[in-house]
Amino acid sequence: MNNKTSGHPGKGLAVLECYEEIPCDPCRDICPFGAISIPGLITDIPQLDRLLCTGCGRCIPACPGQAIFIITYLPDEKKARISLPYEFLPYPTTGQKGWGLDRKGRPVCRAKVISLKLNKDYDHTAVLTIEIPSWHAREVRFFRRSHDDN
């Protein structure tokens, strides 16, 4: 397990993968704990204060670039949960199995759907939480359902 990434087992932590310097700040505005800041200009890359982040996930659907994820390492240290933005239909269902994909869409590991949250405030972006082996948590950034459900 990587405690430096997760804070401690069971506590989720946001991962900001925003690499473009464009005018954007919804993540900062939506965070109720002030954990996300934009130092200087609105085009600066957002920064995360790991001590203030609770892993609530409100920042996930607020990001128009779908560049924010929550990683939660489970106490058994063998599994992790990743909450990520999801906009494909039909939505996967709880318990459904599939693949955790990397940033380039390549399969990394098997994944299982834990939950799917929809909220009218999310502007059609669902928040999907999947469970994967913990050693793949820094690689997996998307979910593809398995048609054979195995």
C-alpha atoms as a PDB file:
ATOM      1  CA  MET A   1       0.000   0.000   0.000  1.00  0.00           C
ATOM      2  CA  ASN A   2       1.137   3.550  -0.616  1.00  0.00           C
ATOM      3  CA  ASN A   3       0.286   5.562   2.487  1.00  0.00           C
ATOM      4  CA  LYS A   4       1.906   8.641   0.980  1.00  0.00           C
ATOM      5  CA  THR A   5      -0.806   8.663  -1.650  1.00  0.00           C
ATOM      6  CA  SER A   6      -3.807   7.707   0.422  1.00  0.00           C
ATOM      7  CA  GLY A   7      -3.214   9.394   3.763  1.00  0.00           C
ATOM      8  CA  HIS A   8      -4.123   6.201   5.616  1.00  0.00           C
ATOM      9  CA  PRO A   9      -6.132   3.045   4.883  1.00  0.00           C
ATOM     10  CA  GLY A  10      -9.811   3.693   4.391  1.00  0.00           C
ATOM     11  CA  LYS A  11      -9.466   7.438   3.762  1.00  0.00           C
ATOM     12  CA  GLY A  12      -9.934   8.568   0.197  1.00  0.00           C
ATOM     13  CA  LEU A  13      -7.715  11.206  -1.307  1.00  0.00           C
ATOM     14  CA  ALA A  14      -8.236  13.233  -4.464  1.00  0.00           C
ATOM     15  CA  VAL A  15      -5.764  12.888  -7.298  1.00  0.00           C
ATOM     16  CA  LEU A  16      -5.626  15.925  -9.576  1.00  0.00           C
ATOM     17  CA  GLU A  17      -4.358  15.084 -13.038  1.00  0.00           C
ATOM     18  CA  CYS A  18      -4.899  18.497 -14.557  1.00  0.00           C
ATOM     19  CA  TYR A  19      -1.875  19.271 -16.696  1.00  0.00           C
ATOM     20  CA  GLU A  20      -3.109  22.058 -18.966  1.00  0.00           C
ATOM     21  CA  GLU A  21      -2.750  25.688 -18.028  1.00  0.00           C
ATOM     22  CA  ILE A  22      -6.217  26.888 -19.021  1.00  0.00           C
ATOM     23  CA  PRO A  23      -8.678  29.187 -17.241  1.00  0.00           C
ATOM     24  CA  CYS A  24     -10.594  26.743 -15.057  1.00  0.00           C
ATOM     25  CA  ASP A  25     -11.525  26.649 -11.359  1.00  0.00           C
ATOM     26  CA  PRO A  26     -14.726  24.650 -10.656  1.00  0.00           C
ATOM     27  CA  CYS A  27     -12.791  22.160  -8.523  1.00  0.00           C
ATOM     28  CA  ARG A  28     -11.600  24.920  -6.238  1.00  0.00           C
ATOM     29  CA  ASP A  29     -15.052  26.452  -5.952  1.00  0.00           C
ATOM     30  CA  ILE A  30     -16.873  23.165  -5.220  1.00  0.00           C
ATOM     31  CA  CYS A  31     -14.538  21.876  -2.483  1.00  0.00           C
ATOM     32  CA  PRO A  32     -16.289  22.511   0.850  1.00  0.00           C
ATOM     33  CA  PHE A  33     -13.027  22.044   2.770  1.00  0.00           C
ATOM     34  CA  GLY A  34     -10.785  24.417   0.809  1.00  0.00           C
ATOM     35  CA  ALA A  35      -8.474  21.537  -0.098  1.00  0.00           C
ATOM     36  CA  ILE A  36      -8.029  22.683  -3.717  1.00  0.00           C
ATOM     37  CA  SER A  37      -6.358  25.967  -4.520  1.00  0.00           C
ATOM     38  CA  ILE A  38      -5.142  27.689  -7.633  1.00  0.00           C
ATOM     39  CA  PRO A  39      -1.974  29.599  -6.819  1.00  0.00           C
ATOM     40  CA  GLY A  40      -1.726  32.850  -8.705  1.00  0.00           C
ATOM     41  CA  LEU A  41      -3.563  33.054 -12.023  1.00  0.00           C
ATOM     42  CA  ILE A  42      -6.745  31.185 -12.947  1.00  0.00           C
ATOM     43  CA  THR A  43      -4.675  29.412 -15.624  1.00  0.00           C
ATOM     44  CA  ASP A  44      -2.335  27.870 -13.017  1.00  0.00           C
ATOM     45  CA  ILE A  45      -2.512  24.146 -12.286  1.00  0.00           C
ATOM     46  CA  PRO A  46      -4.707  23.418  -9.235  1.00  0.00           C
ATOM     47  CA  GLN A  47      -2.981  22.211  -6.078  1.00  0.00           C
ATOM     48  CA  LEU A  48      -4.317  19.813  -3.455  1.00  0.00           C
ATOM     49  CA  ASP A  49      -3.768  20.236   0.275  1.00  0.00           C
ATOM     50  CA  ARG A  50      -3.715  16.576   1.326  1.00  0.00           C
ATOM     51  CA  LEU A  51      -4.335  17.464   4.956  1.00  0.00           C
ATOM     52  CA  LEU A  52      -7.613  19.200   4.118  1.00  0.00           C
ATOM     53  CA  CYS A  53      -8.896  16.655   1.551  1.00  0.00           C
ATOM     54  CA  THR A  54     -11.513  14.297   3.000  1.00  0.00           C
ATOM     55  CA  GLY A  55     -12.059  12.315  -0.196  1.00  0.00           C
ATOM     56  CA  CYS A  56     -15.695  13.429  -0.392  1.00  0.00           C
ATOM     57  CA  GLY A  57     -15.589  13.374  -4.209  1.00  0.00           C
ATOM     58  CA  ARG A  58     -17.565  16.535  -4.903  1.00  0.00           C
ATOM     59  CA  CYS A  59     -14.715  17.694  -7.140  1.00  0.00           C
ATOM     60  CA  ILE A  60     -14.993  14.683  -9.503  1.00  0.00           C
ATOM     61  CA  PRO A  61     -18.111  15.683 -11.490  1.00  0.00           C
ATOM     62  CA  ALA A  62     -17.262  19.391 -11.206  1.00  0.00           C
ATOM     63  CA  CYS A  63     -14.110  19.012 -13.317  1.00  0.00           C
ATOM     64  CA  PRO A  64     -14.955  19.637 -16.994  1.00  0.00           C
ATOM     65  CA  GLY A  65     -11.730  17.904 -18.035  1.00  0.00           C
ATOM     66  CA  GLN A  66     -12.570  14.723 -16.062  1.00  0.00           C
ATOM     67  CA  ALA A  67      -9.127  14.976 -14.485  1.00  0.00           C
ATOM     68  CA  ILE A  68      -9.953  14.248 -10.836  1.00  0.00           C
ATOM     69  CA  PHE A  69     -10.179  10.835  -9.170  1.00  0.00           C
ATOM     70  CA  ILE A  70     -10.483   9.642  -5.586  1.00  0.00           C
ATOM     71  CA  ILE A  71      -8.290   6.736  -4.517  1.00  0.00           C
ATOM     72  CA  THR A  72      -9.156   4.875  -1.317  1.00  0.00           C
ATOM     73  CA  TYR A  73      -6.876   2.092  -0.129  1.00  0.00           C
ATOM     74  CA  LEU A  74      -8.857  -0.471   1.855  1.00  0.00           C
ATOM     75  CA  PRO A  75      -7.633  -1.546   5.294  1.00  0.00           C
ATOM     76  CA  ASP A  76      -6.713  -5.053   4.094  1.00  0.00           C
ATOM     77  CA  GLU A  77      -4.081  -3.379   1.837  1.00  0.00           C
ATOM     78  CA  LYS A  78      -4.900  -5.733  -1.048  1.00  0.00           C
ATOM     79  CA  LYS A  79      -7.689  -3.722  -2.651  1.00  0.00           C
ATOM     80  CA  ALA A  80      -8.345  -0.117  -3.515  1.00  0.00           C
ATOM     81  CA  ARG A  81     -11.383   1.777  -4.692  1.00  0.00           C
ATOM     82  CA  ILE A  82     -11.248   4.423  -7.343  1.00  0.00           C
ATOM     83  CA  SER A  83     -14.060   6.918  -7.819  1.00  0.00           C
ATOM     84  CA  LEU A  84     -14.006   8.443 -11.277  1.00  0.00           C
ATOM     85  CA  PRO A  85     -16.167  10.426 -13.694  1.00  0.00           C
ATOM     86  CA  TYR A  86     -18.320   8.276 -15.983  1.00  0.00           C
ATOM     87  CA  GLU A  87     -20.484   9.489 -18.882  1.00  0.00           C
ATOM     88  CA  PHE A  88     -21.203   6.399 -20.987  1.00  0.00           C
ATOM     89  CA  LEU A  89     -24.620   4.789 -21.379  1.00  0.00           C
ATOM     90  CA  PRO A  90     -25.922   2.421 -20.337  1.00  0.00           C
ATOM     91  CA  TYR A  91     -24.481   2.824 -16.872  1.00  0.00           C
ATOM     92  CA  PRO A  92     -22.824  -0.180 -15.259  1.00  0.00           C
ATOM     93  CA  THR A  93     -24.602  -1.739 -12.296  1.00  0.00           C
ATOM     94  CA  THR A  94     -23.391  -2.503  -8.787  1.00  0.00           C
ATOM     95  CA  GLY A  95     -21.499  -5.786  -8.746  1.00  0.00           C
ATOM     96  CA  GLN A  96     -20.845  -5.755 -12.480  1.00  0.00           C
ATOM     97  CA  LYS A  97     -17.354  -6.840 -13.472  1.00  0.00           C
ATOM     98  CA  GLY A  98     -15.111  -5.430 -16.125  1.00  0.00           C
ATOM     99  CA  TRP A  99     -11.675  -3.998 -16.695  1.00  0.00           C
ATOM    100  CA  GLY A 100      -9.777  -1.159 -15.112  1.00  0.00           C
ATOM    101  CA  LEU A 101      -8.133   0.746 -17.947  1.00  0.00           C
ATOM    102  CA  ASP A 102      -5.089   3.005 -17.969  1.00  0.00           C
ATOM    103  CA  ARG A 103      -4.933   6.556 -19.344  1.00  0.00           C
ATOM    104  CA  LYS A 104      -4.514   5.231 -22.883  1.00  0.00           C
ATOM    105  CA  GLY A 105      -7.482   2.839 -22.636  1.00  0.00           C
ATOM    106  CA  ARG A 106      -5.401  -0.314 -22.199  1.00  0.00           C
ATOM    107  CA  PRO A 107      -6.653  -3.021 -19.798  1.00  0.00           C
ATOM    108  CA  VAL A 108      -4.676  -3.077 -16.549  1.00  0.00           C
ATOM    109  CA  CYS A 109      -6.656  -5.386 -14.254  1.00  0.00           C
ATOM    110  CA  ARG A 110     -10.071  -6.791 -13.455  1.00  0.00           C
ATOM    111  CA  ALA A 111     -12.448  -4.359 -11.749  1.00  0.00           C
ATOM    112  CA  LYS A 112     -15.769  -4.613  -9.953  1.00  0.00           C
ATOM    113  CA  VAL A 113     -18.407  -1.871  -9.745  1.00  0.00           C
ATOM    114  CA  ILE A 114     -19.065  -0.825  -6.150  1.00  0.00           C
ATOM    115  CA  SER A 115     -21.420   2.092  -6.795  1.00  0.00           C
ATOM    116  CA  LEU A 116     -22.650   4.634  -9.305  1.00  0.00           C
ATOM    117  CA  LYS A 117     -23.823   8.024  -8.067  1.00  0.00           C
ATOM    118  CA  LEU A 118     -26.022  10.289 -10.126  1.00  0.00           C
ATOM    119  CA  ASN A 119     -27.020  13.740  -9.014  1.00  0.00           C
ATOM    120  CA  LYS A 120     -28.794  16.487 -10.930  1.00  0.00           C
ATOM    121  CA  ASP A 121     -26.048  18.864  -9.798  1.00  0.00           C
ATOM    122  CA  TYR A 122     -23.445  16.692 -11.575  1.00  0.00           C
ATOM    123  CA  ASP A 123     -24.479  17.878 -15.083  1.00  0.00           C
ATOM    124  CA  HIS A 124     -24.805  14.348 -16.532  1.00  0.00           C
ATOM    125  CA  THR A 125     -21.504  13.121 -15.082  1.00  0.00           C
ATOM    126  CA  ALA A 126     -21.949  10.051 -12.914  1.00  0.00           C
ATOM    127  CA  VAL A 127     -19.380   9.142 -10.279  1.00  0.00           C
ATOM    128  CA  LEU A 128     -18.436   5.489 -10.633  1.00  0.00           C
ATOM    129  CA  THR A 129     -16.570   3.663  -7.865  1.00  0.00           C
ATOM    130  CA  ILE A 130     -14.722   0.493  -8.791  1.00  0.00           C
ATOM    131  CA  GLU A 131     -12.646  -1.926  -6.751  1.00  0.00           C
ATOM    132  CA  ILE A 132      -9.291  -3.172  -8.028  1.00  0.00           C
ATOM    133  CA  PRO A 133      -6.073  -4.701  -6.677  1.00  0.00           C
ATOM    134  CA  SER A 134      -4.355  -1.939  -4.693  1.00  0.00           C
ATOM    135  CA  TRP A 135      -1.072  -2.159  -6.591  1.00  0.00           C
ATOM    136  CA  HIS A 136      -2.873  -0.873  -9.725  1.00  0.00           C
ATOM    137  CA  ALA A 137      -4.485   2.171  -8.084  1.00  0.00           C
ATOM    138  CA  ARG A 138      -2.019   4.652  -9.588  1.00  0.00           C
ATOM    139  CA  GLU A 139      -2.579   3.258 -13.106  1.00  0.00           C
ATOM    140  CA  VAL A 140      -6.331   2.680 -13.459  1.00  0.00           C
ATOM    141  CA  ARG A 141      -8.291   5.699 -14.664  1.00  0.00           C
ATOM    142  CA  PHE A 142     -11.356   4.238 -16.372  1.00  0.00           C
ATOM    143  CA  PHE A 143     -13.731   1.273 -16.395  1.00  0.00           C
ATOM    144  CA  ARG A 144     -14.886  -0.879 -19.296  1.00  0.00           C
ATOM    145  CA  ARG A 145     -17.650  -3.353 -18.629  1.00  0.00           C
ATOM    146  CA  SER A 146     -17.065  -6.992 -19.439  1.00  0.00           C
ATOM    147  CA  HIS A 147     -19.636  -8.447 -21.801  1.00  0.00           C
ATOM    148  CA  ASP A 148     -19.179 -11.953 -20.444  1.00  0.00           C
ATOM    149  CA  ASP A 149     -19.505 -10.653 -16.826  1.00  0.00           C
ATOM    150  CA  ASN A 150     -16.739 -13.004 -15.657  1.00  0.00           C
END
